[in-house]
Amino acid sequence: MSLRNSPRAVEFEPNSGLHLNKMLRGIKASDQIKQRISLFVKTALSLFGHLIILVPSTGIPQSDFEADEKTKESIRGMELPEIEARQFEVVVIRASSSGRVFLMDDRNQSKPRVGKVLLLKKNILSPPSMAVRVIRIYENKNQFAAKRVKRYGNTDTLDPANTLVAIEKIAELKPYQTVEDEELKDEAELDELEHPEVKEAIATAEQTKKEIQQTNQKYRHNFSKDLPNTKKFDSVLDAEATKDELADLEDSSDETDGLIAKNKDILDPDRHLIGMDFASVINVNELGKSMFYSAASFRYGLTLVRRAFFLGKNFQDSLTIEGTVYYYKAYNLDGNLDAYTLLPFSGILRENFHVSDSLAFFIYGGILYNNVIANIGGSDTTIAALGGLKIAAGGGILMKIGPRWNIRMNGGIDSICVGLALRF
């Protein structure tokens, strides 16, 4: 049986063109999908290539991949977080002698904060040269000091006057922790950067140290039994001194020696006196005649001038101003059981004559004001007689009995006193 005579053939032939068109349209759609997939893959590879170029400037430094195989595998498996960073130019001014700390010029006034880590590169596309941590800011100079934390490739140090690109992570960093020895080294190198003249001072100090050691060795050799033990030279203190400081020390030493010698020549080195006395104050009685009244007194003296007239080594003078307050009572002056309370005070100028550092004689002159502060049954006539101004004049002696304590005795037309005086 032929197909033409077959019932199925009769049914198939009318639909065969439709099936062919569908197949052709399917093939065309498949080609379009393939083209789109190819374009997508090319675009993805291009983007991936650009990312690979950018990785050295913000990602893991190339030199870190020079670690062992385990480190390489762990780095390949890391998923690096996205960071916000900024870049600015810096110029290396100078490096410390160890090459670990650098003084840099912040020409753009970017002002990185202390503790921040900067990745330094020759330009934005070049590999990293060094990573440093900012350890001090000099705001008035637009400079900062930074300490090396990592070297990359063959970079050993940073040459002065080189302009570098610094990349700084904006996000907050973990505070920098260090041991005490590292901090001391950092401070020493900062001092070296801030004060370049310190190198010259160290050399001078070392030379002085050698000369002192040679001198000590010479005297030990010749007079070893007579010489005391010589204290070792303090190299730490000497290393921190500059020429000017050493000159200041010498000048101050000379001045101090002069002051000590001068003070040794002064027999009265103290300026202040505070004293308390048992006193007999001279005033009138009921008959208007002078008599002594037992009193207590407190006094303060201030030395104004030393060696005003007498400049000898064993005989000197001084001029002192002194104020004294007395307190005493008087009874039955009018014969009717009357009582009076007095609070006199005096002001005198005292001229002292020192024959040694522990003994001085003096004369004084001034005024005494008898002040009646209260009375019981007293008359106006008696109150007026007890009060008023009187002349104070006399002489006395000061005798040292301890490092600061003196016995003070004086007598005159105003009072007789015996007491203790503190000099300082």
Foldseek 3Di string as FASTA:
>chain_A
DDLVPDPVSVVPVVCPVVVVVVVVVVVVVVVVVVVVVVVVVVVVVVVVVVVVQQQQLPHDAPQQCVDDPVSVVVVVPDDDDDFDKDKAKKFWADAFPVQFKTKIARPVLPDDDAQWKKFKDLDSRGGTAFIWGWHADDNVRNMTMTGTDDGDDPRDHDDGGRMIMIMTTPDDDDGDDDDPVVVVVVVVRVVCVVDVQLVVQLVVLVVVLVVVVVVVVVCCVVPVPPDDDDDHDDSVVSSPDGPVRVVVVVVVVVVVVVVVVVCLQFLAPFFKKKWKWFKWFWAQALVLDIDTFTKIKIKMKGWDDWQPPHRDSQKIKTKIKMKMWIWGKDFCRVVPGKIWTWIKMWIKIKMWIGRGSFKIKIKIWTKMFIGTPDMDPDDPVVNVRGGDMDIDIWMWMWGDDDPFKTWTWIDDPTMTITIIMGTD
